[in-house]
N, C-alpha and C. Protein backbone atom coordinates (compact mmCIF):
# COMPACT_ATOMS: atom_id res chain seq x y z
N MET A 1 -64.80 -24.74 65.21
CA MET A 1 -64.50 -25.12 66.59
C MET A 1 -64.41 -23.87 67.45
N LYS A 2 -65.01 -23.92 68.63
CA LYS A 2 -65.02 -22.77 69.53
C LYS A 2 -63.90 -22.86 70.56
N VAL A 3 -63.50 -21.70 71.05
CA VAL A 3 -62.44 -21.63 72.05
C VAL A 3 -62.83 -22.35 73.33
N ARG A 4 -64.10 -22.36 73.65
CA ARG A 4 -64.56 -22.88 74.94
C ARG A 4 -64.16 -24.33 75.19
N TYR A 5 -63.84 -25.08 74.15
CA TYR A 5 -63.50 -26.49 74.32
C TYR A 5 -62.00 -26.72 74.47
N ASN A 6 -61.19 -25.67 74.39
CA ASN A 6 -59.74 -25.88 74.36
C ASN A 6 -58.98 -24.79 75.10
N PHE A 7 -59.15 -24.71 76.42
CA PHE A 7 -58.33 -23.76 77.17
C PHE A 7 -58.09 -24.28 78.59
N VAL A 8 -57.12 -23.66 79.26
CA VAL A 8 -56.75 -24.06 80.62
C VAL A 8 -57.67 -23.34 81.61
N SER A 9 -58.33 -24.10 82.47
CA SER A 9 -59.27 -23.52 83.44
C SER A 9 -58.56 -22.58 84.42
N LYS A 10 -59.28 -21.55 84.86
CA LYS A 10 -58.71 -20.58 85.80
C LYS A 10 -58.27 -21.23 87.11
N PHE A 11 -58.82 -22.38 87.43
CA PHE A 11 -58.45 -23.07 88.66
C PHE A 11 -57.03 -23.64 88.59
N ASP A 12 -56.49 -23.70 87.38
CA ASP A 12 -55.12 -24.20 87.18
C ASP A 12 -54.15 -23.08 86.79
N VAL A 13 -54.60 -21.83 86.95
CA VAL A 13 -53.79 -20.68 86.52
C VAL A 13 -53.37 -19.85 87.74
N GLN A 14 -52.07 -19.60 87.88
CA GLN A 14 -51.59 -18.70 88.92
C GLN A 14 -51.68 -17.26 88.42
N TYR A 15 -51.97 -16.35 89.31
CA TYR A 15 -52.14 -14.96 88.89
C TYR A 15 -51.73 -13.98 89.98
N CYS A 16 -51.56 -12.73 89.59
CA CYS A 16 -51.31 -11.63 90.52
C CYS A 16 -52.57 -10.79 90.65
N GLU A 17 -52.67 -10.06 91.73
CA GLU A 17 -53.73 -9.08 91.89
C GLU A 17 -53.15 -7.69 91.67
N PRO A 18 -53.95 -6.75 91.21
CA PRO A 18 -53.44 -5.40 90.94
C PRO A 18 -52.83 -4.72 92.17
N THR A 19 -53.19 -5.20 93.36
CA THR A 19 -52.68 -4.61 94.60
C THR A 19 -51.30 -5.14 94.99
N PHE A 20 -50.78 -6.11 94.23
CA PHE A 20 -49.48 -6.69 94.55
C PHE A 20 -48.38 -5.64 94.43
N THR A 21 -47.36 -5.79 95.24
CA THR A 21 -46.15 -5.00 95.07
C THR A 21 -45.27 -5.66 94.01
N VAL A 22 -44.23 -4.95 93.59
CA VAL A 22 -43.31 -5.51 92.61
C VAL A 22 -42.67 -6.80 93.14
N LYS A 23 -42.28 -6.79 94.40
CA LYS A 23 -41.66 -7.98 95.00
C LYS A 23 -42.64 -9.15 95.04
N GLU A 24 -43.88 -8.89 95.44
CA GLU A 24 -44.88 -9.96 95.51
C GLU A 24 -45.16 -10.54 94.13
N ALA A 25 -45.25 -9.66 93.14
CA ALA A 25 -45.51 -10.12 91.78
C ALA A 25 -44.34 -10.94 91.25
N TYR A 26 -43.12 -10.47 91.51
CA TYR A 26 -41.94 -11.20 91.04
C TYR A 26 -41.90 -12.61 91.65
N GLU A 27 -42.16 -12.70 92.94
CA GLU A 27 -42.16 -14.01 93.61
C GLU A 27 -43.23 -14.93 93.02
N LYS A 28 -44.38 -14.35 92.70
CA LYS A 28 -45.47 -15.14 92.15
C LYS A 28 -45.13 -15.64 90.74
N VAL A 29 -44.56 -14.77 89.92
CA VAL A 29 -44.18 -15.17 88.56
C VAL A 29 -43.08 -16.23 88.62
N LYS A 30 -42.11 -16.01 89.49
CA LYS A 30 -41.01 -16.98 89.63
C LYS A 30 -41.53 -18.34 90.09
N GLU A 31 -42.46 -18.32 91.01
CA GLU A 31 -43.07 -19.57 91.51
C GLU A 31 -43.82 -20.31 90.41
N SER A 32 -44.45 -19.55 89.50
CA SER A 32 -45.22 -20.18 88.43
C SER A 32 -44.34 -20.90 87.41
N GLY A 33 -43.10 -20.42 87.24
CA GLY A 33 -42.21 -21.03 86.26
C GLY A 33 -42.39 -20.48 84.85
N TYR A 34 -43.29 -19.50 84.69
CA TYR A 34 -43.56 -18.91 83.37
C TYR A 34 -43.00 -17.50 83.31
N ARG A 35 -42.90 -16.97 82.08
CA ARG A 35 -42.33 -15.63 81.93
C ARG A 35 -43.36 -14.53 82.22
N CYS A 36 -44.63 -14.89 82.25
CA CYS A 36 -45.65 -13.92 82.66
C CYS A 36 -46.88 -14.66 83.14
N ILE A 37 -47.70 -13.97 83.93
CA ILE A 37 -48.96 -14.54 84.41
C ILE A 37 -50.02 -13.44 84.36
N PRO A 38 -51.31 -13.83 84.40
CA PRO A 38 -52.37 -12.82 84.35
C PRO A 38 -52.44 -11.97 85.62
N VAL A 39 -52.99 -10.79 85.46
CA VAL A 39 -53.31 -9.93 86.60
C VAL A 39 -54.84 -9.89 86.69
N LEU A 40 -55.37 -10.34 87.82
CA LEU A 40 -56.82 -10.46 87.99
C LEU A 40 -57.27 -9.77 89.27
N SER A 41 -58.44 -9.15 89.21
CA SER A 41 -59.03 -8.52 90.39
C SER A 41 -60.40 -9.16 90.66
N ASN A 42 -61.07 -8.67 91.69
CA ASN A 42 -62.40 -9.19 92.07
C ASN A 42 -62.38 -10.70 92.29
N ASN A 43 -61.42 -11.14 93.10
CA ASN A 43 -61.30 -12.57 93.42
C ASN A 43 -61.11 -13.44 92.17
N GLY A 44 -60.31 -12.94 91.25
CA GLY A 44 -59.97 -13.73 90.07
C GLY A 44 -60.99 -13.67 88.96
N ARG A 45 -61.92 -12.73 89.02
CA ARG A 45 -62.97 -12.68 88.00
C ARG A 45 -62.71 -11.65 86.90
N LYS A 46 -61.98 -10.58 87.19
CA LYS A 46 -61.77 -9.51 86.21
C LYS A 46 -60.33 -9.53 85.69
N PHE A 47 -60.18 -9.63 84.38
CA PHE A 47 -58.87 -9.64 83.74
C PHE A 47 -58.37 -8.22 83.53
N SER A 48 -57.13 -7.96 83.98
CA SER A 48 -56.55 -6.62 83.85
C SER A 48 -55.34 -6.56 82.92
N GLY A 49 -54.78 -7.73 82.56
CA GLY A 49 -53.61 -7.76 81.70
C GLY A 49 -52.60 -8.80 82.17
N PHE A 50 -51.34 -8.67 81.71
CA PHE A 50 -50.27 -9.59 82.08
C PHE A 50 -49.19 -8.83 82.83
N ILE A 51 -48.48 -9.55 83.69
CA ILE A 51 -47.28 -9.03 84.31
C ILE A 51 -46.12 -9.94 83.92
N TYR A 52 -45.06 -9.34 83.37
CA TYR A 52 -43.93 -10.10 82.85
C TYR A 52 -42.75 -10.07 83.83
N LYS A 53 -42.08 -11.20 83.94
CA LYS A 53 -40.90 -11.30 84.80
C LYS A 53 -39.83 -10.32 84.36
N VAL A 54 -39.61 -10.21 83.05
CA VAL A 54 -38.56 -9.34 82.53
C VAL A 54 -38.83 -7.87 82.85
N HIS A 55 -40.10 -7.46 82.85
CA HIS A 55 -40.43 -6.08 83.16
C HIS A 55 -40.24 -5.79 84.65
N LEU A 56 -40.52 -6.78 85.47
CA LEU A 56 -40.31 -6.62 86.91
C LEU A 56 -38.83 -6.46 87.22
N LEU A 57 -38.00 -7.30 86.59
CA LEU A 57 -36.56 -7.22 86.81
C LEU A 57 -35.99 -5.91 86.27
N ASP A 58 -36.48 -5.50 85.11
CA ASP A 58 -36.02 -4.25 84.52
C ASP A 58 -36.37 -3.07 85.44
N TYR A 59 -37.54 -3.11 86.01
CA TYR A 59 -37.98 -2.04 86.90
C TYR A 59 -37.09 -1.97 88.14
N LEU A 60 -36.74 -3.15 88.69
CA LEU A 60 -35.96 -3.19 89.91
C LEU A 60 -34.49 -2.82 89.69
N TYR A 61 -33.90 -3.34 88.62
CA TYR A 61 -32.45 -3.22 88.46
C TYR A 61 -32.01 -2.17 87.44
N GLU A 62 -32.84 -1.90 86.45
CA GLU A 62 -32.48 -0.90 85.45
C GLU A 62 -33.06 0.48 85.80
N GLN A 63 -34.32 0.46 86.25
CA GLN A 63 -34.97 1.73 86.57
C GLN A 63 -34.83 2.10 88.05
N LYS A 64 -34.18 1.20 88.80
CA LYS A 64 -33.94 1.46 90.23
C LYS A 64 -35.24 1.66 91.01
N GLY A 65 -36.28 0.89 90.61
CA GLY A 65 -37.54 0.96 91.33
C GLY A 65 -37.46 0.26 92.67
N LYS A 66 -38.47 0.43 93.49
CA LYS A 66 -38.49 -0.17 94.82
C LYS A 66 -39.36 -1.43 94.84
N GLU A 67 -38.98 -2.38 95.68
CA GLU A 67 -39.71 -3.64 95.79
C GLU A 67 -41.15 -3.44 96.26
N ASN A 68 -41.39 -2.41 97.04
CA ASN A 68 -42.72 -2.17 97.60
C ASN A 68 -43.60 -1.30 96.71
N ASP A 69 -43.09 -0.90 95.54
CA ASP A 69 -43.90 -0.12 94.61
C ASP A 69 -45.02 -0.99 94.04
N PRO A 70 -46.16 -0.39 93.68
CA PRO A 70 -47.26 -1.16 93.07
C PRO A 70 -46.91 -1.57 91.64
N ILE A 71 -47.57 -2.60 91.15
CA ILE A 71 -47.27 -3.09 89.80
C ILE A 71 -48.11 -2.41 88.72
N THR A 72 -48.95 -1.46 89.12
CA THR A 72 -49.91 -0.83 88.20
C THR A 72 -49.30 -0.41 86.88
N SER A 73 -48.16 0.26 86.93
CA SER A 73 -47.55 0.79 85.70
C SER A 73 -46.88 -0.28 84.86
N LEU A 74 -46.73 -1.49 85.39
CA LEU A 74 -46.02 -2.56 84.68
C LEU A 74 -46.95 -3.57 84.02
N VAL A 75 -48.24 -3.42 84.24
CA VAL A 75 -49.21 -4.36 83.64
C VAL A 75 -49.31 -4.10 82.13
N GLN A 76 -49.21 -5.18 81.34
CA GLN A 76 -49.20 -5.08 79.88
C GLN A 76 -50.37 -5.88 79.28
N ASN A 77 -50.61 -5.65 78.00
CA ASN A 77 -51.54 -6.48 77.20
C ASN A 77 -52.95 -6.57 77.80
N GLU A 78 -53.49 -5.43 78.15
CA GLU A 78 -54.85 -5.41 78.72
C GLU A 78 -55.90 -5.91 77.73
N ASP A 79 -55.57 -5.87 76.43
CA ASP A 79 -56.52 -6.31 75.41
C ASP A 79 -56.25 -7.73 74.93
N ALA A 80 -55.41 -8.46 75.63
CA ALA A 80 -55.04 -9.82 75.20
C ALA A 80 -56.04 -10.85 75.70
N PHE A 81 -57.24 -10.77 75.18
CA PHE A 81 -58.27 -11.73 75.60
C PHE A 81 -59.15 -12.10 74.41
N ILE A 82 -59.88 -13.16 74.61
CA ILE A 82 -60.82 -13.65 73.61
C ILE A 82 -62.00 -14.24 74.37
N TYR A 83 -63.15 -14.32 73.73
CA TYR A 83 -64.34 -14.85 74.41
C TYR A 83 -64.49 -16.35 74.14
N GLU A 84 -65.07 -17.05 75.11
CA GLU A 84 -65.18 -18.50 74.99
C GLU A 84 -66.02 -18.95 73.80
N GLU A 85 -66.91 -18.08 73.32
CA GLU A 85 -67.75 -18.44 72.17
C GLU A 85 -67.11 -18.03 70.84
N ASP A 86 -65.94 -17.39 70.89
CA ASP A 86 -65.25 -17.03 69.65
C ASP A 86 -64.72 -18.28 68.96
N SER A 87 -64.47 -18.16 67.67
CA SER A 87 -63.94 -19.28 66.90
C SER A 87 -62.44 -19.43 67.12
N PHE A 88 -61.95 -20.65 66.89
CA PHE A 88 -60.53 -20.88 67.01
C PHE A 88 -59.77 -20.10 65.94
N PHE A 89 -60.42 -19.83 64.83
CA PHE A 89 -59.82 -19.03 63.76
C PHE A 89 -59.38 -17.67 64.29
N LYS A 90 -60.24 -17.04 65.07
CA LYS A 90 -59.92 -15.73 65.66
C LYS A 90 -58.78 -15.86 66.66
N ALA A 91 -58.74 -16.96 67.38
CA ALA A 91 -57.69 -17.17 68.37
C ALA A 91 -56.30 -17.19 67.74
N PHE A 92 -56.18 -17.77 66.54
CA PHE A 92 -54.89 -17.83 65.87
C PHE A 92 -54.29 -16.44 65.69
N PHE A 93 -55.11 -15.47 65.32
CA PHE A 93 -54.62 -14.13 65.04
C PHE A 93 -54.37 -13.34 66.31
N THR A 94 -55.03 -13.72 67.39
CA THR A 94 -54.88 -12.99 68.65
C THR A 94 -53.66 -13.46 69.43
N ILE A 95 -53.37 -14.75 69.39
CA ILE A 95 -52.34 -15.32 70.25
C ILE A 95 -50.93 -15.26 69.67
N LYS A 96 -50.79 -15.05 68.37
CA LYS A 96 -49.49 -15.26 67.73
C LYS A 96 -48.36 -14.41 68.30
N ARG A 97 -48.66 -13.22 68.83
CA ARG A 97 -47.61 -12.35 69.36
C ARG A 97 -47.47 -12.45 70.88
N LEU A 98 -48.22 -13.36 71.51
CA LEU A 98 -48.29 -13.42 72.96
C LEU A 98 -48.00 -14.83 73.48
N PRO A 99 -47.58 -14.96 74.74
CA PRO A 99 -47.35 -16.30 75.31
C PRO A 99 -48.65 -17.08 75.52
N PHE A 100 -49.74 -16.35 75.78
CA PHE A 100 -51.07 -16.94 75.91
C PHE A 100 -52.07 -15.80 75.89
N ILE A 101 -53.35 -16.12 75.85
CA ILE A 101 -54.38 -15.08 75.94
C ILE A 101 -55.44 -15.51 76.95
N ALA A 102 -56.07 -14.52 77.55
CA ALA A 102 -57.13 -14.79 78.52
C ALA A 102 -58.42 -15.16 77.80
N VAL A 103 -59.21 -15.99 78.45
CA VAL A 103 -60.53 -16.38 77.93
C VAL A 103 -61.59 -15.83 78.87
N LEU A 104 -62.55 -15.08 78.31
CA LEU A 104 -63.61 -14.48 79.10
C LEU A 104 -64.97 -15.01 78.66
N ASN A 105 -65.96 -14.92 79.56
CA ASN A 105 -67.32 -15.25 79.16
C ASN A 105 -68.07 -13.98 78.75
N GLU A 106 -69.35 -14.11 78.46
CA GLU A 106 -70.11 -12.96 77.97
C GLU A 106 -70.30 -11.88 79.03
N LYS A 107 -70.04 -12.22 80.31
CA LYS A 107 -70.13 -11.24 81.39
C LYS A 107 -68.78 -10.59 81.68
N GLU A 108 -67.81 -10.83 80.79
CA GLU A 108 -66.45 -10.30 80.93
C GLU A 108 -65.71 -10.91 82.12
N GLU A 109 -66.14 -12.09 82.55
CA GLU A 109 -65.48 -12.76 83.67
C GLU A 109 -64.38 -13.68 83.16
N PHE A 110 -63.27 -13.72 83.88
CA PHE A 110 -62.12 -14.55 83.51
C PHE A 110 -62.42 -16.03 83.71
N LEU A 111 -62.19 -16.84 82.67
CA LEU A 111 -62.44 -18.28 82.74
C LEU A 111 -61.17 -19.11 82.72
N GLY A 112 -60.10 -18.56 82.15
CA GLY A 112 -58.86 -19.31 82.03
C GLY A 112 -57.98 -18.70 80.95
N ILE A 113 -57.03 -19.50 80.45
CA ILE A 113 -56.13 -19.01 79.42
C ILE A 113 -56.04 -20.00 78.26
N LEU A 114 -55.83 -19.45 77.09
CA LEU A 114 -55.58 -20.25 75.89
C LEU A 114 -54.09 -20.14 75.60
N THR A 115 -53.39 -21.28 75.54
CA THR A 115 -51.94 -21.29 75.35
C THR A 115 -51.58 -21.75 73.94
N HIS A 116 -50.32 -21.58 73.59
CA HIS A 116 -49.85 -22.08 72.30
C HIS A 116 -49.97 -23.62 72.26
N ALA A 117 -49.82 -24.27 73.42
CA ALA A 117 -49.98 -25.72 73.48
C ALA A 117 -51.41 -26.13 73.12
N ASN A 118 -52.39 -25.34 73.58
CA ASN A 118 -53.78 -25.61 73.21
C ASN A 118 -53.98 -25.51 71.71
N VAL A 119 -53.37 -24.49 71.10
CA VAL A 119 -53.48 -24.30 69.66
C VAL A 119 -52.82 -25.46 68.92
N MET A 120 -51.65 -25.89 69.40
CA MET A 120 -50.95 -27.00 68.76
C MET A 120 -51.75 -28.30 68.87
N ASP A 121 -52.48 -28.46 69.97
CA ASP A 121 -53.32 -29.65 70.14
C ASP A 121 -54.41 -29.70 69.06
N VAL A 122 -54.98 -28.54 68.76
CA VAL A 122 -56.01 -28.48 67.72
C VAL A 122 -55.41 -28.82 66.36
N LEU A 123 -54.22 -28.29 66.07
CA LEU A 123 -53.56 -28.59 64.80
C LEU A 123 -53.18 -30.07 64.73
N ALA A 124 -52.69 -30.61 65.84
CA ALA A 124 -52.32 -32.02 65.88
C ALA A 124 -53.53 -32.90 65.61
N ASP A 125 -54.67 -32.50 66.15
CA ASP A 125 -55.90 -33.25 65.93
C ASP A 125 -56.28 -33.24 64.45
N SER A 126 -56.06 -32.10 63.77
CA SER A 126 -56.40 -32.02 62.35
C SER A 126 -55.48 -32.88 61.50
N PHE A 127 -54.28 -33.18 62.02
CA PHE A 127 -53.34 -34.05 61.32
C PHE A 127 -53.53 -35.52 61.69
N GLY A 128 -54.48 -35.80 62.56
CA GLY A 128 -54.72 -37.18 62.94
C GLY A 128 -53.79 -37.71 64.02
N MET A 129 -53.15 -36.81 64.76
CA MET A 129 -52.19 -37.24 65.77
C MET A 129 -52.87 -37.96 66.94
N LYS A 130 -54.16 -37.71 67.14
CA LYS A 130 -54.87 -38.35 68.25
C LYS A 130 -55.52 -39.66 67.84
N THR A 131 -55.89 -39.77 66.58
CA THR A 131 -56.60 -40.96 66.11
C THR A 131 -55.75 -41.87 65.25
N GLY A 132 -54.60 -41.35 64.77
CA GLY A 132 -53.78 -42.14 63.85
C GLY A 132 -54.36 -42.07 62.45
N GLY A 133 -53.66 -42.67 61.51
CA GLY A 133 -54.16 -42.67 60.14
C GLY A 133 -53.06 -42.45 59.12
N HIS A 134 -53.47 -42.12 57.93
CA HIS A 134 -52.55 -41.90 56.81
C HIS A 134 -52.70 -40.45 56.36
N THR A 135 -51.61 -39.72 56.34
CA THR A 135 -51.65 -38.32 55.94
C THR A 135 -50.98 -38.14 54.59
N LEU A 136 -51.73 -37.61 53.64
CA LEU A 136 -51.21 -37.36 52.30
C LEU A 136 -50.97 -35.86 52.12
N THR A 137 -49.79 -35.50 51.65
CA THR A 137 -49.52 -34.12 51.25
C THR A 137 -49.61 -34.08 49.73
N ILE A 138 -50.55 -33.30 49.24
CA ILE A 138 -50.88 -33.31 47.81
C ILE A 138 -50.65 -31.92 47.23
N ALA A 139 -49.89 -31.86 46.15
CA ALA A 139 -49.63 -30.59 45.46
C ALA A 139 -50.49 -30.54 44.20
N THR A 140 -50.97 -29.34 43.90
CA THR A 140 -51.77 -29.16 42.70
C THR A 140 -51.53 -27.78 42.12
N ILE A 141 -51.60 -27.68 40.82
CA ILE A 141 -51.59 -26.37 40.18
C ILE A 141 -52.91 -25.70 40.54
N GLU A 142 -52.84 -24.50 41.06
CA GLU A 142 -54.04 -23.81 41.54
C GLU A 142 -55.05 -23.62 40.40
N HIS A 143 -56.26 -24.07 40.66
CA HIS A 143 -57.33 -23.87 39.70
C HIS A 143 -58.67 -23.91 40.43
N LYS A 144 -59.67 -23.32 39.85
CA LYS A 144 -60.99 -23.27 40.46
C LYS A 144 -61.55 -24.67 40.62
N GLY A 145 -62.02 -24.97 41.84
CA GLY A 145 -62.62 -26.27 42.09
C GLY A 145 -61.62 -27.36 42.43
N ALA A 146 -60.37 -27.00 42.74
CA ALA A 146 -59.34 -28.00 43.01
C ALA A 146 -59.71 -28.89 44.20
N ILE A 147 -60.16 -28.27 45.29
CA ILE A 147 -60.50 -29.05 46.48
C ILE A 147 -61.72 -29.94 46.21
N LYS A 148 -62.69 -29.41 45.49
CA LYS A 148 -63.87 -30.19 45.15
C LYS A 148 -63.48 -31.41 44.32
N ASP A 149 -62.57 -31.21 43.35
CA ASP A 149 -62.12 -32.32 42.52
C ASP A 149 -61.42 -33.39 43.35
N LEU A 150 -60.59 -32.94 44.32
CA LEU A 150 -59.87 -33.88 45.16
C LEU A 150 -60.82 -34.68 46.05
N VAL A 151 -61.78 -33.99 46.64
CA VAL A 151 -62.76 -34.67 47.50
C VAL A 151 -63.56 -35.69 46.70
N THR A 152 -63.88 -35.37 45.47
CA THR A 152 -64.61 -36.30 44.61
C THR A 152 -63.79 -37.56 44.36
N LEU A 153 -62.48 -37.40 44.18
CA LEU A 153 -61.61 -38.55 43.96
C LEU A 153 -61.54 -39.45 45.19
N LEU A 154 -61.75 -38.86 46.37
CA LEU A 154 -61.65 -39.61 47.62
C LEU A 154 -63.01 -39.94 48.22
N LYS A 155 -64.07 -39.85 47.43
CA LYS A 155 -65.42 -40.00 47.95
C LYS A 155 -65.71 -41.39 48.52
N GLU A 156 -64.90 -42.37 48.14
CA GLU A 156 -65.16 -43.74 48.63
C GLU A 156 -64.63 -43.97 50.04
N VAL A 157 -63.88 -43.01 50.59
CA VAL A 157 -63.35 -43.15 51.96
C VAL A 157 -63.73 -41.92 52.78
N ASN A 158 -63.70 -42.08 54.10
CA ASN A 158 -63.93 -40.94 54.98
C ASN A 158 -62.66 -40.08 55.03
N ILE A 159 -62.84 -38.79 54.96
CA ILE A 159 -61.73 -37.87 55.14
C ILE A 159 -61.78 -37.37 56.58
N ASP A 160 -60.78 -37.76 57.39
CA ASP A 160 -60.80 -37.41 58.81
C ASP A 160 -60.37 -35.97 59.06
N GLY A 161 -59.63 -35.40 58.14
CA GLY A 161 -59.18 -34.01 58.31
C GLY A 161 -58.57 -33.49 57.03
N MET A 162 -58.61 -32.16 56.88
CA MET A 162 -58.04 -31.54 55.68
C MET A 162 -57.52 -30.15 56.04
N LEU A 163 -56.33 -29.85 55.52
CA LEU A 163 -55.70 -28.55 55.76
C LEU A 163 -55.07 -28.08 54.46
N THR A 164 -55.30 -26.82 54.10
CA THR A 164 -54.72 -26.29 52.87
C THR A 164 -53.59 -25.32 53.21
N LEU A 165 -52.52 -25.39 52.43
CA LEU A 165 -51.38 -24.50 52.58
C LEU A 165 -51.21 -23.68 51.30
N ASP A 166 -50.39 -22.65 51.39
CA ASP A 166 -50.09 -21.79 50.23
C ASP A 166 -51.34 -21.07 49.71
N ASN A 167 -52.29 -20.79 50.60
CA ASN A 167 -53.49 -20.07 50.17
C ASN A 167 -53.11 -18.69 49.65
N GLY A 168 -53.66 -18.32 48.53
CA GLY A 168 -53.35 -17.04 47.92
C GLY A 168 -52.29 -17.13 46.84
N GLU A 169 -51.59 -18.27 46.78
CA GLU A 169 -50.60 -18.45 45.73
C GLU A 169 -51.30 -18.62 44.38
N LYS A 170 -50.71 -18.10 43.34
CA LYS A 170 -51.35 -18.13 42.02
C LYS A 170 -51.16 -19.45 41.30
N TYR A 171 -50.05 -20.16 41.60
CA TYR A 171 -49.72 -21.30 40.76
C TYR A 171 -49.74 -22.66 41.46
N LEU A 172 -49.40 -22.68 42.75
CA LEU A 172 -49.27 -23.98 43.42
C LEU A 172 -49.95 -23.94 44.79
N ARG A 173 -50.64 -25.03 45.09
CA ARG A 173 -51.24 -25.16 46.42
C ARG A 173 -50.96 -26.56 46.94
N ARG A 174 -50.73 -26.65 48.26
CA ARG A 174 -50.59 -27.96 48.90
C ARG A 174 -51.81 -28.21 49.79
N ILE A 175 -52.26 -29.44 49.72
CA ILE A 175 -53.43 -29.85 50.50
C ILE A 175 -53.03 -31.07 51.32
N ILE A 176 -53.25 -31.01 52.63
CA ILE A 176 -52.94 -32.14 53.51
C ILE A 176 -54.24 -32.82 53.88
N VAL A 177 -54.32 -34.11 53.59
CA VAL A 177 -55.53 -34.89 53.83
C VAL A 177 -55.22 -36.03 54.78
N ASN A 178 -56.04 -36.17 55.82
CA ASN A 178 -55.86 -37.27 56.76
C ASN A 178 -56.93 -38.33 56.50
N LEU A 179 -56.47 -39.56 56.24
CA LEU A 179 -57.36 -40.68 55.94
C LEU A 179 -57.39 -41.66 57.10
N PRO A 180 -58.46 -42.46 57.22
CA PRO A 180 -58.63 -43.35 58.37
C PRO A 180 -57.51 -44.37 58.54
N ALA A 181 -57.25 -44.73 59.80
CA ALA A 181 -56.18 -45.67 60.12
C ALA A 181 -56.47 -47.08 59.61
N GLU A 182 -57.76 -47.42 59.44
CA GLU A 182 -58.10 -48.78 59.03
C GLU A 182 -57.76 -49.09 57.57
N LEU A 183 -57.43 -48.10 56.80
CA LEU A 183 -57.02 -48.35 55.41
C LEU A 183 -55.68 -49.07 55.39
N THR A 184 -55.56 -50.06 54.53
CA THR A 184 -54.29 -50.76 54.38
C THR A 184 -53.35 -49.93 53.50
N LYS A 185 -52.08 -50.28 53.54
CA LYS A 185 -51.11 -49.58 52.71
C LYS A 185 -51.44 -49.75 51.23
N ALA A 186 -51.95 -50.93 50.88
CA ALA A 186 -52.32 -51.18 49.49
C ALA A 186 -53.48 -50.28 49.07
N GLU A 187 -54.45 -50.09 49.96
CA GLU A 187 -55.58 -49.22 49.65
C GLU A 187 -55.13 -47.76 49.52
N VAL A 188 -54.19 -47.37 50.38
CA VAL A 188 -53.68 -46.00 50.31
C VAL A 188 -52.93 -45.79 48.99
N GLN A 189 -52.12 -46.77 48.60
CA GLN A 189 -51.37 -46.65 47.34
C GLN A 189 -52.31 -46.61 46.14
N ARG A 190 -53.42 -47.32 46.23
CA ARG A 190 -54.39 -47.29 45.14
C ARG A 190 -55.02 -45.90 45.03
N LEU A 191 -55.29 -45.30 46.19
CA LEU A 191 -55.84 -43.93 46.19
C LEU A 191 -54.82 -42.93 45.66
N VAL A 192 -53.55 -43.13 46.04
CA VAL A 192 -52.49 -42.25 45.55
C VAL A 192 -52.41 -42.30 44.03
N LYS A 193 -52.46 -43.51 43.49
CA LYS A 193 -52.41 -43.67 42.03
C LYS A 193 -53.60 -43.00 41.37
N LYS A 194 -54.77 -43.15 41.98
CA LYS A 194 -55.99 -42.54 41.44
C LYS A 194 -55.87 -41.02 41.44
N ILE A 195 -55.33 -40.47 42.52
CA ILE A 195 -55.17 -39.02 42.64
C ILE A 195 -54.20 -38.49 41.59
N GLU A 196 -53.10 -39.21 41.41
CA GLU A 196 -52.05 -38.73 40.52
C GLU A 196 -52.40 -38.89 39.04
N GLU A 197 -53.46 -39.62 38.75
CA GLU A 197 -53.93 -39.71 37.36
C GLU A 197 -54.62 -38.42 36.94
N LYS A 198 -54.96 -37.60 37.91
CA LYS A 198 -55.58 -36.31 37.63
C LYS A 198 -54.53 -35.21 37.80
N GLU A 199 -54.95 -33.97 38.05
CA GLU A 199 -54.01 -32.86 38.13
C GLU A 199 -53.46 -32.67 39.55
N PHE A 200 -53.04 -33.77 40.16
CA PHE A 200 -52.51 -33.72 41.50
C PHE A 200 -51.22 -34.54 41.58
N ARG A 201 -50.38 -34.21 42.55
CA ARG A 201 -49.16 -34.96 42.80
C ARG A 201 -49.02 -35.17 44.30
N VAL A 202 -48.92 -36.44 44.73
CA VAL A 202 -48.76 -36.75 46.15
C VAL A 202 -47.28 -36.68 46.48
N THR A 203 -46.90 -35.69 47.26
CA THR A 203 -45.48 -35.48 47.55
C THR A 203 -45.01 -36.25 48.79
N HIS A 204 -45.94 -36.52 49.71
CA HIS A 204 -45.58 -37.28 50.91
C HIS A 204 -46.75 -38.14 51.36
N VAL A 205 -46.42 -39.33 51.86
CA VAL A 205 -47.41 -40.18 52.52
C VAL A 205 -46.83 -40.50 53.90
N ASP A 206 -47.51 -40.07 54.94
CA ASP A 206 -47.03 -40.30 56.31
C ASP A 206 -48.01 -41.18 57.07
N GLU A 207 -47.45 -42.11 57.83
CA GLU A 207 -48.25 -42.97 58.70
C GLU A 207 -48.24 -42.39 60.09
N ILE A 208 -49.40 -42.08 60.64
CA ILE A 208 -49.51 -41.52 61.98
C ILE A 208 -49.93 -42.62 62.93
N ASP A 209 -49.01 -43.04 63.79
CA ASP A 209 -49.30 -44.09 64.76
C ASP A 209 -49.56 -43.47 66.13
N ILE A 210 -50.47 -44.04 66.87
CA ILE A 210 -50.72 -43.58 68.24
C ILE A 210 -50.42 -44.75 69.18
N GLU A 211 -49.95 -44.40 70.38
CA GLU A 211 -49.61 -45.44 71.34
C GLU A 211 -50.84 -45.89 72.12
């Protein structure tokens, strides 16, 4: 999955310009309701970094800075961006230490931001939160071909999503499988029994309902 399908458009993002004073930037961040916002130049096309509310306050009250000073020295995270054609896998590693990251196109133009909420939406989709269904948490002793064996056991049904946990562990792995909502509870229990006859243990069965 690419980043381009899951981010907030620049038309919905408030931002500061590099020419803003500390007071102007503080008012803009406060108005946004967030702890930081992007700093953009060239009419919102060039990403320069983030400006944080806490840094603005620290500058004014701890460092005794002036309200009319430029924000240039307070801009942070100039490298906090990702390209719209990058994979969501890369986004996970880029965003984890930040409130959000900027999304750019191949011309280095600002397109919007990727938030933690966007990332959670992708994870929720993999768990079937949007379509509903039956989610099985399956534990197995780690061995070569474990996932292939599990998929073979479930070949009679569609697998709507799959997520593996404990990757790199030598002895135990958990696999989360999302099955279609149209399966009855009896059909799910039959699959559970079939799975547990092999080298797997179903630790949880969750019903995902959508409104």
